[in-house]
Protein backbone atom coordinates (compact mmCIF):
# COMPACT_ATOMS: atom_id res chain seq x y z
CA UNK A 1 -0.05 0.14 0.26
CA UNK A 2 1.02 3.48 -0.85
CA UNK A 3 2.82 5.05 2.25
CA UNK A 4 0.93 8.25 1.81
CA UNK A 5 -2.46 6.54 1.64
CA UNK A 6 -1.80 4.50 4.26
CA UNK A 7 -0.74 7.65 6.70
CA UNK A 8 -4.11 9.38 5.58
CA UNK A 9 -5.96 6.38 6.84
CA UNK A 10 -4.33 6.29 9.96
CA UNK A 11 -4.68 10.19 10.38
CA UNK A 12 -8.52 9.43 9.40
CA UNK A 13 -9.14 6.72 11.83
CA UNK A 14 -7.70 8.66 14.74
CA UNK A 15 -9.89 11.76 13.81
CA UNK A 16 -13.20 9.37 13.64
CA UNK A 17 -12.04 8.04 17.10
CA UNK A 18 -11.85 11.34 18.44
CA UNK A 19 -15.11 12.29 16.99
CA UNK A 20 -16.73 9.45 18.31
CA UNK A 21 -15.52 10.39 22.07
CA UNK A 22 -18.13 11.79 24.27
CA UNK A 23 -17.69 12.41 27.94
CA UNK A 24 -19.69 9.70 29.13
CA UNK A 25 -18.74 6.75 31.67
CA UNK A 26 -19.45 4.00 30.73
CA UNK A 27 -18.73 4.53 27.03
CA UNK A 28 -21.85 4.28 24.79
CA UNK A 29 -22.01 1.75 22.13
CA UNK A 30 -22.49 3.92 19.15
CA UNK A 31 -21.89 7.65 19.03
CA UNK A 32 -21.94 10.19 16.21
CA UNK A 33 -21.33 13.64 16.44
CA UNK A 34 -23.64 16.84 15.26
CA UNK A 35 -22.78 19.84 14.04
CA UNK A 36 -25.78 21.81 15.90
CA UNK A 37 -26.56 22.39 19.47
CA UNK A 38 -29.38 22.72 21.56
CA UNK A 39 -29.80 25.40 24.25
CA UNK A 40 -31.46 24.95 27.67
CA UNK A 41 -33.00 27.93 29.39
CA UNK A 42 -35.98 28.65 31.44
CA UNK A 43 -38.03 28.38 28.83
CA UNK A 44 -37.55 24.85 27.95
CA UNK A 45 -39.98 22.29 28.29
CA UNK A 46 -39.84 18.86 29.22
CA UNK A 47 -42.30 16.58 27.06
CA UNK A 48 -43.13 13.45 28.48
CA UNK A 49 -46.27 11.64 28.71
CA UNK A 50 -47.84 9.73 31.75
CA UNK A 51 -45.80 6.50 31.33
CA UNK A 52 -42.53 8.46 31.42
CA UNK A 53 -43.77 11.04 34.42
CA UNK A 54 -41.31 9.78 36.99
CA UNK A 55 -38.36 9.88 34.50
CA UNK A 56 -39.52 13.62 33.83
CA UNK A 57 -39.67 14.61 37.53
CA UNK A 58 -36.58 13.16 38.20
CA UNK A 59 -34.81 15.43 35.33
CA UNK A 60 -36.79 18.33 36.24
CA UNK A 61 -34.85 17.74 39.89
CA UNK A 62 -31.77 17.22 38.37
CA UNK A 63 -31.84 20.23 36.29
CA UNK A 64 -33.24 22.68 39.11
CA UNK A 65 -30.25 24.22 40.47
CA UNK A 66 -29.80 26.25 37.29
CA UNK A 67 -33.47 26.02 35.64
CA UNK A 68 -37.23 25.50 36.90
CA UNK A 69 -38.47 23.59 33.86
CA UNK A 70 -41.98 22.77 33.17
CA UNK A 71 -43.15 19.39 32.33
CA UNK A 72 -45.94 19.06 29.47
CA UNK A 73 -47.48 16.08 28.02
CA UNK A 74 -46.76 16.97 24.30
CA UNK A 75 -44.93 19.42 22.37
CA UNK A 76 -42.82 19.90 19.49
CA UNK A 77 -39.65 21.18 20.92
CA UNK A 78 -37.79 20.85 24.16
CA UNK A 79 -36.37 17.66 26.05
CA UNK A 80 -38.76 14.80 24.90
CA UNK A 81 -38.96 11.60 26.87
CA UNK A 82 -40.50 8.88 24.82
CA UNK A 83 -41.08 5.18 25.27
CA UNK A 84 -41.02 3.19 22.29
CA UNK A 85 -41.87 -0.37 22.79
CA UNK A 86 -40.69 -1.45 19.28
CA UNK A 87 -37.08 -0.60 20.10
CA UNK A 88 -36.85 -3.47 22.62
CA UNK A 89 -35.49 -5.73 19.69
CA UNK A 90 -32.67 -3.35 19.37
CA UNK A 91 -31.92 -1.80 22.70
CA UNK A 92 -33.37 -4.56 25.07
CA UNK A 93 -34.50 -3.63 28.70
CA UNK A 94 -31.98 -1.08 29.16
CA UNK A 95 -30.93 0.58 26.01
CA UNK A 96 -31.82 3.98 24.68
CA UNK A 97 -31.23 6.50 22.18
CA UNK A 98 -30.30 9.97 22.66
CA UNK A 99 -30.01 12.54 19.90
CA UNK A 100 -29.25 16.24 20.72
CA UNK A 101 -30.13 18.40 17.56
CA UNK A 102 -31.14 22.24 17.27
CA UNK A 103 -34.70 21.94 18.05
CA UNK A 104 -34.88 19.28 20.68
CA UNK A 105 -33.05 16.58 22.59
CA UNK A 106 -34.79 13.24 22.08
CA UNK A 107 -34.60 10.27 24.75
CA UNK A 108 -36.22 7.26 23.51
CA UNK A 109 -36.13 3.55 24.87
CA UNK A 110 -38.29 0.59 25.05
CA UNK A 111 -38.42 0.82 28.56
CA UNK A 112 -38.67 3.43 31.36
CA UNK A 113 -35.04 1.98 32.78
CA UNK A 114 -33.64 2.63 29.25
CA UNK A 115 -35.05 6.35 29.24
CA UNK A 116 -33.40 6.60 32.59
CA UNK A 117 -30.08 5.75 31.54
CA UNK A 118 -30.64 8.43 28.31
CA UNK A 119 -30.97 10.85 31.34
CA UNK A 120 -27.95 9.67 33.15
CA UNK A 121 -25.91 10.39 29.70
CA UNK A 122 -27.21 13.45 28.90
CA UNK A 123 -26.26 14.73 32.70
CA UNK A 124 -22.81 13.80 31.86
CA UNK A 125 -22.90 15.83 28.44
CA UNK A 126 -23.85 19.07 30.87
CA UNK A 127 -21.19 20.71 32.87
CA UNK A 128 -20.28 19.63 36.24
CA UNK A 129 -21.79 22.68 37.75
CA UNK A 130 -24.95 23.68 35.68
CA UNK A 131 -25.27 26.33 38.35
CA UNK A 132 -22.57 28.25 36.22
CA UNK A 133 -24.85 28.50 33.25
CA UNK A 134 -26.96 31.30 34.63
CA UNK A 135 -28.71 32.40 31.03
CA UNK A 136 -28.52 28.65 29.13
CA UNK A 137 -26.83 25.45 28.96
CA UNK A 138 -25.33 24.55 25.52
CA UNK A 139 -25.60 20.72 24.73
CA UNK A 140 -23.55 20.14 21.48
CA UNK A 141 -25.20 17.85 18.97
CA UNK A 142 -24.75 14.09 19.12
CA UNK A 143 -26.56 10.76 18.08
CA UNK A 144 -25.93 8.26 20.51
CA UNK A 145 -27.41 4.42 20.51
CA UNK A 146 -26.53 2.62 23.59
CA UNK A 147 -27.08 -0.71 25.30
CA UNK A 148 -25.12 -2.66 28.24
CA UNK A 149 -22.73 -5.61 27.62
CA UNK A 150 -24.17 -7.74 30.76
CA UNK A 151 -27.51 -7.46 32.58
CA UNK A 152 -25.71 -7.63 36.13
CA UNK A 153 -23.57 -4.72 37.08
CA UNK A 154 -23.02 -4.66 40.61
CA UNK A 155 -21.64 -2.94 43.82
CA UNK A 156 -21.53 -4.85 47.20
CA UNK A 157 -21.12 -2.97 50.46
CA UNK A 158 -20.69 -5.01 53.56
CA UNK A 159 -22.35 -3.60 56.47
CA UNK A 160 -21.75 -6.35 58.93
CA UNK A 161 -18.19 -5.57 59.96
CA UNK A 162 -18.97 -1.99 59.94
CA UNK A 163 -22.09 -0.04 59.75
CA UNK A 164 -22.22 2.86 57.38
CA UNK A 165 -26.14 4.04 57.66
CA UNK A 166 -28.84 5.22 55.33
CA UNK A 167 -27.42 8.63 54.17
CA UNK A 168 -24.28 6.82 52.97
CA UNK A 169 -26.30 3.84 51.26
CA UNK A 170 -28.25 6.80 49.42
CA UNK A 171 -25.09 8.29 48.63
CA UNK A 172 -23.65 5.49 46.93
CA UNK A 173 -26.89 4.74 44.94
CA UNK A 174 -26.92 7.98 43.49
CA UNK A 175 -23.31 7.49 42.02
CA UNK A 176 -24.51 3.90 40.75
CA UNK A 177 -26.85 5.47 39.11
CA UNK A 178 -24.82 7.83 36.99
CA UNK A 179 -22.86 4.76 35.86
CA UNK A 180 -25.60 3.03 34.96
CA UNK A 181 -25.06 0.38 37.55
CA UNK A 182 -27.99 -1.89 38.35
CA UNK A 183 -27.43 -4.11 41.64
CA UNK A 184 -27.06 -2.77 45.03
CA UNK A 185 -25.58 -6.12 46.64
CA UNK A 186 -26.27 -5.57 50.54
CA UNK A 187 -24.07 -7.95 52.82
CA UNK A 188 -26.27 -7.77 55.91
CA UNK A 189 -25.28 -10.34 58.00
CA UNK A 190 -22.27 -11.98 59.02
CA UNK A 191 -20.15 -13.21 62.17
CA UNK A 192 -19.35 -9.45 63.13
CA UNK A 193 -23.07 -7.97 63.11
CA UNK A 194 -26.81 -8.46 62.25
CA UNK A 195 -27.96 -5.46 60.54
CA UNK A 196 -31.66 -6.10 59.58
CA UNK A 197 -34.69 -5.93 61.95
CA UNK A 198 -36.38 -9.48 61.73
CA UNK A 199 -39.53 -8.80 63.59
CA UNK A 200 -40.03 -12.45 64.87
CA UNK A 201 -36.45 -12.79 66.34
CA UNK A 202 -35.94 -9.32 67.92
CA UNK A 203 -32.61 -10.47 69.68
CA UNK A 204 -30.99 -10.83 66.45
CA UNK A 205 -30.86 -6.54 66.46
CA UNK A 206 -30.83 -6.53 70.26
CA UNK A 207 -27.74 -8.45 70.68
CA UNK A 208 -26.60 -9.40 66.99
CA UNK A 209 -26.15 -5.67 66.16
CA UNK A 210 -23.77 -4.76 68.76
CA UNK A 211 -20.09 -5.76 69.46
CA UNK A 212 -18.09 -4.70 72.47
CA UNK A 213 -15.08 -3.28 70.04
CA UNK A 214 -14.87 -1.86 66.68
CA UNK A 215 -11.60 -4.03 65.97
CA UNK A 216 -9.90 -2.93 63.01
CA UNK A 217 -6.98 -4.54 63.54
CA UNK A 218 -3.39 -3.84 64.67
CA UNK A 219 -1.33 -1.47 62.65
CA UNK A 220 -4.52 -1.23 60.34
CA UNK A 221 -6.24 2.22 59.20
CA UNK A 222 -7.61 4.08 62.38
CA UNK A 223 -7.08 1.38 64.75
CA UNK A 224 -5.59 3.09 67.48
CA UNK A 225 -8.57 5.87 67.71
CA UNK A 226 -11.36 2.87 67.49
CA UNK A 227 -9.56 0.33 69.73
CA UNK A 228 -11.88 -0.26 72.69
CA UNK A 229 -14.70 1.54 71.26
CA UNK A 230 -17.99 -0.58 71.09
CA UNK A 231 -19.59 -0.61 67.48
CA UNK A 232 -23.57 -1.24 66.53
CA UNK A 233 -26.06 -0.11 64.08
CA UNK A 234 -28.93 -2.03 62.03
CA UNK A 235 -31.85 -1.09 59.74
CA UNK A 236 -35.29 -0.99 60.83
CA UNK A 237 -37.69 -2.67 58.07
CA UNK A 238 -39.15 0.67 57.45
CA UNK A 239 -35.77 1.82 56.91
CA UNK A 240 -35.28 -0.71 54.70
CA UNK A 241 -38.35 -0.07 52.70
CA UNK A 242 -37.14 3.39 52.31
CA UNK A 243 -33.72 2.63 50.79
CA UNK A 244 -35.31 -0.22 48.36
CA UNK A 245 -37.76 2.64 47.04
CA UNK A 246 -35.04 5.17 46.80
CA UNK A 247 -33.07 2.53 44.77
CA UNK A 248 -35.85 1.42 42.54
CA UNK A 249 -36.55 5.13 41.89
CA UNK A 250 -32.86 5.01 40.19
CA UNK A 251 -33.65 1.34 38.55
CA UNK A 252 -31.28 -0.05 40.90
CA UNK A 253 -32.27 -3.63 42.35
CA UNK A 254 -31.14 -3.90 45.91
CA UNK A 255 -30.24 -7.60 46.49
CA UNK A 256 -29.74 -8.79 50.07
CA UNK A 257 -27.33 -11.11 51.33
CA UNK A 258 -28.31 -13.33 54.42
CA UNK A 259 -25.25 -15.47 54.96
CA UNK A 260 -25.85 -19.14 55.91
CA UNK A 261 -25.07 -21.84 57.16
CA UNK A 262 -21.58 -20.12 58.03
CA UNK A 263 -20.42 -16.54 59.16
CA UNK A 264 -23.25 -16.84 61.51
CA UNK A 265 -22.00 -15.83 64.63
CA UNK A 266 -23.88 -12.86 65.41
CA UNK A 267 -27.20 -14.82 64.86
CA UNK A 268 -25.70 -17.67 66.93
CA UNK A 269 -24.74 -15.14 69.78
CA UNK A 270 -28.48 -13.97 69.55
CA UNK A 271 -29.77 -17.44 69.55
CA UNK A 272 -27.47 -19.83 70.74
CA UNK A 273 -29.78 -22.93 69.90
CA UNK A 274 -28.94 -22.07 66.46
CA UNK A 275 -25.21 -23.07 66.53
CA UNK A 276 -23.67 -26.61 66.33
CA UNK A 277 -21.78 -25.87 69.82
CA UNK A 278 -24.55 -23.85 71.57
CA UNK A 279 -21.97 -21.54 73.44
CA UNK A 280 -21.46 -18.65 71.58
CA UNK A 281 -22.88 -15.64 73.90
CA UNK A 282 -21.92 -12.50 72.20
CA UNK A 283 -20.93 -11.07 69.09
CA UNK A 284 -17.15 -11.74 68.37
CA UNK A 285 -14.67 -8.73 67.88
CA UNK A 286 -11.68 -10.38 66.20
CA UNK A 287 -12.62 -10.36 62.38
CA UNK A 288 -12.09 -13.63 60.12
CA UNK A 289 -13.98 -16.92 59.72
CA UNK A 290 -15.24 -18.13 62.95
CA UNK A 291 -15.65 -22.04 64.36
CA UNK A 292 -19.49 -22.35 64.46
CA UNK A 293 -22.17 -22.88 61.87
CA UNK A 294 -25.89 -23.36 62.01
CA UNK A 295 -26.75 -26.67 62.87
CA UNK A 296 -28.47 -27.49 59.71
CA UNK A 297 -29.79 -30.91 60.95
CA UNK A 298 -31.97 -29.31 63.56
CA UNK A 299 -35.82 -28.81 62.09
CA UNK A 300 -36.05 -25.68 64.60
CA UNK A 301 -32.83 -24.02 62.61
CA UNK A 302 -34.41 -24.51 59.10
CA UNK A 303 -37.87 -23.08 60.52
CA UNK A 304 -35.81 -20.16 61.84
CA UNK A 305 -33.93 -19.49 58.78
CA UNK A 306 -37.24 -19.88 56.56
CA UNK A 307 -38.86 -17.16 58.99
CA UNK A 308 -36.10 -14.93 58.34
CA UNK A 309 -35.98 -15.47 54.69
CA UNK A 310 -39.83 -15.04 54.76
CA UNK A 311 -39.43 -11.39 56.27
CA UNK A 312 -36.73 -10.45 54.12
CA UNK A 313 -38.58 -11.47 50.82
CA UNK A 314 -41.58 -9.41 51.91
CA UNK A 315 -39.06 -6.40 52.35
CA UNK A 316 -36.97 -6.96 49.21
CA UNK A 317 -38.60 -7.19 45.72
CA UNK A 318 -35.41 -8.60 44.07
CA UNK A 319 -35.90 -11.79 42.02
CA UNK A 320 -32.50 -12.98 43.42
CA UNK A 321 -31.84 -13.52 47.11
CA UNK A 322 -28.06 -14.05 48.01
CA UNK A 323 -27.38 -16.59 50.68
CA UNK A 324 -23.46 -16.39 51.02
CA UNK A 325 -22.42 -19.96 51.98
CA UNK A 326 -18.64 -19.18 51.68
CA UNK A 327 -15.71 -20.28 53.99
CA UNK A 328 -17.55 -22.77 56.39
CA UNK A 329 -15.75 -24.17 58.96
CA UNK A 330 -16.73 -27.89 59.21
CA UNK A 331 -15.29 -28.35 62.34
CA UNK A 332 -18.16 -27.98 64.52
CA UNK A 333 -20.12 -30.35 62.16
CA UNK A 334 -17.39 -33.11 62.21
CA UNK A 335 -16.70 -32.99 66.18
CA UNK A 336 -20.56 -32.86 66.56
CA UNK A 337 -22.08 -36.38 67.57
CA UNK A 338 -25.55 -35.33 66.87
CA UNK A 339 -24.68 -34.08 63.28
CA UNK A 340 -22.45 -36.85 62.44
CA UNK A 341 -25.27 -39.41 63.29
CA UNK A 342 -27.48 -37.31 61.12
CA UNK A 343 -25.22 -37.75 58.36
CA UNK A 344 -24.82 -41.22 58.90
CA UNK A 345 -28.59 -41.91 59.10
CA UNK A 346 -28.75 -39.96 55.63
CA UNK A 347 -26.11 -41.56 54.05
CA UNK A 348 -24.49 -37.97 53.50
CA UNK A 349 -20.90 -38.65 53.06
CA UNK A 350 -19.01 -35.55 53.90
CA UNK A 351 -19.50 -31.84 55.38
CA UNK A 352 -19.73 -30.43 51.91
CA UNK A 353 -22.43 -32.59 50.82
CA UNK A 354 -24.35 -31.74 54.13
CA UNK A 355 -24.04 -28.13 53.01
CA UNK A 356 -25.29 -28.86 49.70
CA UNK A 357 -28.27 -30.59 50.81
CA UNK A 358 -28.92 -27.70 52.90
CA UNK A 359 -28.33 -25.07 50.18
CA UNK A 360 -30.48 -27.26 48.02
CA UNK A 361 -33.41 -26.91 50.88
CA UNK A 362 -33.14 -23.41 50.87
CA UNK A 363 -33.15 -22.80 47.17
CA UNK A 364 -36.19 -24.61 47.28
CA UNK A 365 -37.77 -22.70 49.85
CA UNK A 366 -36.77 -19.48 48.11
CA UNK A 367 -38.11 -20.67 44.88
CA UNK A 368 -41.54 -21.36 46.60
CA UNK A 369 -41.61 -17.81 47.07
CA UNK A 370 -41.09 -17.03 43.26
CA UNK A 371 -37.63 -16.06 44.18
CA UNK A 372 -34.05 -17.43 43.08
CA UNK A 373 -31.05 -18.32 45.15
CA UNK A 374 -27.73 -17.01 44.77
CA UNK A 375 -24.50 -17.97 46.65
CA UNK A 376 -20.84 -17.80 46.28
CA UNK A 377 -19.02 -20.39 44.67
CA UNK A 378 -18.31 -22.71 47.56
CA UNK A 379 -21.90 -23.56 47.45
CA UNK A 380 -20.75 -26.18 44.90
CA UNK A 381 -18.83 -27.97 47.26
CA UNK A 382 -15.77 -27.59 45.71
CA UNK A 383 -12.37 -26.56 47.92
CA UNK A 384 -11.28 -23.15 46.84
CA UNK A 385 -9.19 -22.64 50.14
CA UNK A 386 -6.52 -25.32 49.29
CA UNK A 387 -3.95 -23.39 50.88
CA UNK A 388 -5.48 -23.84 54.24
CA UNK A 389 -6.34 -27.53 54.06
CA UNK A 390 -9.68 -27.42 55.75
CA UNK A 391 -12.41 -29.58 53.41
CA UNK A 392 -10.00 -32.58 52.59
CA UNK A 393 -13.43 -34.44 51.18
CA UNK A 394 -13.80 -32.99 47.62
CA UNK A 395 -13.19 -36.74 45.55
CA UNK A 396 -16.17 -37.83 48.02
CA UNK A 397 -18.62 -35.36 47.37
CA UNK A 398 -21.56 -36.72 45.76
CA UNK A 399 -24.30 -34.26 46.09
CA UNK A 400 -25.37 -31.79 43.22
CA UNK A 401 -26.22 -28.16 43.28
CA UNK A 402 -29.53 -27.38 42.25
CA UNK A 403 -29.51 -26.01 38.79
CA UNK A 404 -31.54 -23.14 39.41
CA UNK A 405 -29.15 -21.71 41.72
CA UNK A 406 -26.81 -18.66 40.58
CA UNK A 407 -23.08 -19.27 41.38
CA UNK A 408 -21.10 -16.38 42.45
CA UNK A 409 -17.63 -16.76 41.64
CA UNK A 410 -15.09 -14.92 43.70
CA UNK A 411 -12.05 -17.16 44.54
CA UNK A 412 -10.14 -20.09 43.17
CA UNK A 413 -9.10 -21.37 39.82
CA UNK A 414 -11.00 -19.50 37.03
CA UNK A 415 -11.48 -22.71 35.27
CA UNK A 416 -14.04 -23.15 38.33
CA UNK A 417 -16.21 -20.18 36.62
CA UNK A 418 -15.73 -21.84 33.11
CA UNK A 419 -17.00 -25.38 34.62
CA UNK A 420 -20.17 -23.76 36.23
CA UNK A 421 -21.21 -22.11 33.30
CA UNK A 422 -20.40 -25.01 31.23
CA UNK A 423 -22.56 -27.08 33.62
CA UNK A 424 -25.49 -25.02 32.78
CA UNK A 425 -25.31 -22.59 36.12
CA UNK A 426 -25.65 -18.90 35.64
CA UNK A 427 -22.79 -17.02 37.04
CA UNK A 428 -21.94 -13.85 38.29
CA UNK A 429 -17.98 -13.31 38.20
CA UNK A 430 -16.48 -11.14 40.84
CA UNK A 431 -12.78 -12.71 41.00
CA UNK A 432 -11.52 -11.29 44.15
CA UNK A 433 -7.84 -10.48 42.43
CA UNK A 434 -9.73 -7.85 40.05
CA UNK A 435 -12.99 -7.11 41.97
CA UNK A 436 -12.26 -6.72 45.85
CA UNK A 437 -12.29 -3.05 46.65
CA UNK A 438 -10.62 -3.56 50.20
CA UNK A 439 -7.49 -4.48 48.52
CA UNK A 440 -5.24 -1.45 48.16
CA UNK A 441 -4.52 0.45 45.15
CA UNK A 442 -1.14 -1.32 44.57
CA UNK A 443 -2.87 -4.72 44.58
CA UNK A 444 -5.74 -3.30 42.27
CA UNK A 445 -4.60 -0.11 40.71
CA UNK A 446 -7.71 1.67 38.75
CA UNK A 447 -5.76 0.05 35.26
CA UNK A 448 -6.29 -3.31 36.70
CA UNK A 449 -9.89 -3.07 37.32
CA UNK A 450 -10.72 -1.76 34.28
CA UNK A 451 -8.78 -4.57 32.53
CA UNK A 452 -11.59 -7.08 34.28
CA UNK A 453 -13.27 -9.21 31.87
CA UNK A 454 -16.24 -11.05 33.30
CA UNK A 455 -16.19 -13.69 30.41
CA UNK A 456 -13.46 -16.25 31.74
CA UNK A 457 -10.78 -16.94 29.40
CA UNK A 458 -11.25 -20.15 27.32
CA UNK A 459 -15.24 -20.43 28.03
CA UNK A 460 -16.55 -21.22 24.33
CA UNK A 461 -18.63 -18.26 23.12
CA UNK A 462 -22.01 -20.55 23.51
CA UNK A 463 -22.10 -20.43 27.15
CA UNK A 464 -21.14 -16.66 27.32
CA UNK A 465 -24.89 -16.27 27.80
CA UNK A 466 -24.48 -18.03 31.27
CA UNK A 467 -22.32 -15.21 32.52
CA UNK A 468 -24.82 -12.49 33.93
CA UNK A 469 -21.98 -9.87 34.60
CA UNK A 470 -19.91 -8.87 37.48
CA UNK A 471 -19.84 -7.44 40.80
CA UNK A 472 -17.39 -5.37 42.70
CA UNK A 473 -17.04 -5.87 46.61
CA UNK A 474 -16.58 -3.31 49.38
CA UNK A 475 -15.64 -5.49 52.38
CA UNK A 476 -15.36 -3.25 55.40
CA UNK A 477 -13.19 -5.15 57.92
CA UNK A 478 -10.29 -2.53 57.47
CA UNK A 479 -12.62 0.29 56.53
CA UNK A 480 -14.38 1.53 59.57
CA UNK A 481 -15.46 4.87 58.33
CA UNK A 482 -17.62 6.32 55.61
CA UNK A 483 -14.33 8.37 54.29
CA UNK A 484 -12.57 5.13 54.07
CA UNK A 485 -15.26 3.16 52.01
CA UNK A 486 -15.31 6.27 49.70
CA UNK A 487 -11.63 6.25 49.36
CA UNK A 488 -11.55 2.53 48.12
CA UNK A 489 -14.94 2.55 46.27
CA UNK A 490 -14.03 5.82 44.18
CA UNK A 491 -12.82 6.03 41.33
CA UNK A 492 -12.60 2.20 40.75
CA UNK A 493 -16.49 2.59 40.65
CA UNK A 494 -16.25 4.03 37.57
CA UNK A 495 -13.80 1.49 36.08
CA UNK A 496 -16.20 -1.23 36.90
CA UNK A 497 -19.44 0.36 35.49
CA UNK A 498 -17.67 0.22 32.23
CA UNK A 499 -16.53 -3.24 32.61
CA UNK A 500 -20.09 -3.98 33.04
CA UNK A 501 -21.54 -1.93 30.39
CA UNK A 502 -19.08 -1.19 27.73
CA UNK A 503 -18.50 -4.09 24.54
CA UNK A 504 -14.91 -5.17 25.18
CA UNK A 505 -14.10 -3.63 21.53
CA UNK A 506 -15.29 -0.43 22.58
CA UNK A 507 -13.19 -0.10 25.72
CA UNK A 508 -9.76 2.03 26.01
CA UNK A 509 -8.33 2.87 29.36
CA UNK A 510 -6.54 5.92 28.15
CA UNK A 511 -9.84 7.47 26.79
CA UNK A 512 -11.59 6.27 29.85
CA UNK A 513 -8.93 7.97 31.98
CA UNK A 514 -9.25 11.23 30.04
CA UNK A 515 -12.82 11.27 30.72
CA UNK A 516 -12.76 10.38 34.33
CA UNK A 517 -11.65 14.05 34.97
CA UNK A 518 -15.33 15.06 34.46
CA UNK A 519 -16.13 12.42 37.31
CA UNK A 520 -13.07 13.54 39.66
CA UNK A 521 -14.63 17.08 39.98
CA UNK A 522 -18.35 15.83 40.21
CA UNK A 523 -17.00 13.68 43.54
CA UNK A 524 -15.18 16.93 44.74
CA UNK A 525 -18.20 18.82 44.52
CA UNK A 526 -20.16 16.18 46.28
CA UNK A 527 -17.39 16.03 49.06
CA UNK A 528 -16.90 12.31 47.99
CA UNK A 529 -13.45 11.12 49.38
CA UNK A 530 -12.10 9.40 46.35
CA UNK A 531 -8.71 8.02 46.13
CA UNK A 532 -5.85 10.80 44.74
CA UNK A 533 -3.38 7.89 44.30
CA UNK A 534 -5.48 5.38 42.26
CA UNK A 535 -2.57 3.65 40.41
CA UNK A 536 -0.59 3.45 43.62
CA UNK A 537 -0.69 2.09 47.19
CA UNK A 538 -2.21 4.26 49.64
């Protein structure tokens, strides 16, 4: 090829790439820049029918710091929100079209979720501080067609170790919405604290929500300041309903996690008869996996878990209920004569088999309520903690996990995620080496977070649909205060948002990093304590 022609082609390609770039994270699927622009001023109308009224109200509130716009049911020019069911084949349930021309801004989608996401893209096309646009806000012409790569784009907050509170949760939900993340995975129970009111069992919060020492660990973060200070907190059912509704307004599903059969010390401390050892009387202070588990051979314990799940299901409309199921210490089961006799009587050959049998029973109960169970990948009975030498029974495991269970992959050989998908399980990929927000920025810098691909390497394309998406996990053992959680979460949250939404071919870290500056300015305005050293250790 002629060198001059080749040079011109390269220049044209670079120019086209720049023309396609808009300051939106996550990066949209298709972008065409226009030559005209639209002015938003005090005379601009929001045009929306009754179906789109809630989104219109959201847009009105979003613009209210600069303009008090009126909402109309019909009209020609303005910001037009339109639901068009015929777009579903092209855009799915979350895609949208956003077109900015001289006379109007059109946001069209097959669903109200899609329209909401179109509004979020419009929001990022605006200046960070719209109050500086006293007379008019100018939006450059653009034509965007967009839809997500994965349907599950999650952020998990662990409130068992350290309770964050309602205002903080809503703050996180707001930023998730801006980034089109649609699942708030809420880790509400664990060894270190029970954070959700269960009316039938009041001691779960009377006892289980309190521990006598914050325990952030020697030489970790702010241990000197918090050592010896009690830690407590829980959400009433009224508060839960309020947060769930707040999330729903932002098209975010709240998925609760109620740990079982392990990580259950807070519950066992509240009601000792729940445990296999039946000796724990207070919530442990020291973090880490504990010895005792629920006695899953006791019908009264199963009744308790059914009662708890019934109240949880009433509070959370989510189709998915997460039951944890990770890091089970089998010693309490191995050393219980009662449990060993039960296993012998029922032909259960190993503790992992007992766990899977229990998990399948819980899955069946959750299905009877019209929901679906999810758990960390230990629910499959495979030892992912080989360095600990705990399970010792992998070759003997006979019981198969219920096929309807969603496997949440977090640790172990990545091949295990591939095997789960090939065996017909739906999976969410949260591989800890890429997605754990408690890891410092030296372990997972922003660029590494951005590089994560939820599709396991080597998974045949015909199984890709088994991968629902990805999650990033904010465990709070060493992040006792809200500022700590914010520093670990931001700006990596933006990277995970693009991992979940943007087609792999459209991702580009250099472009992402350039666009991130706008988000950093937004977070500064909101006093969000994002990390200033996100490519190196704190």
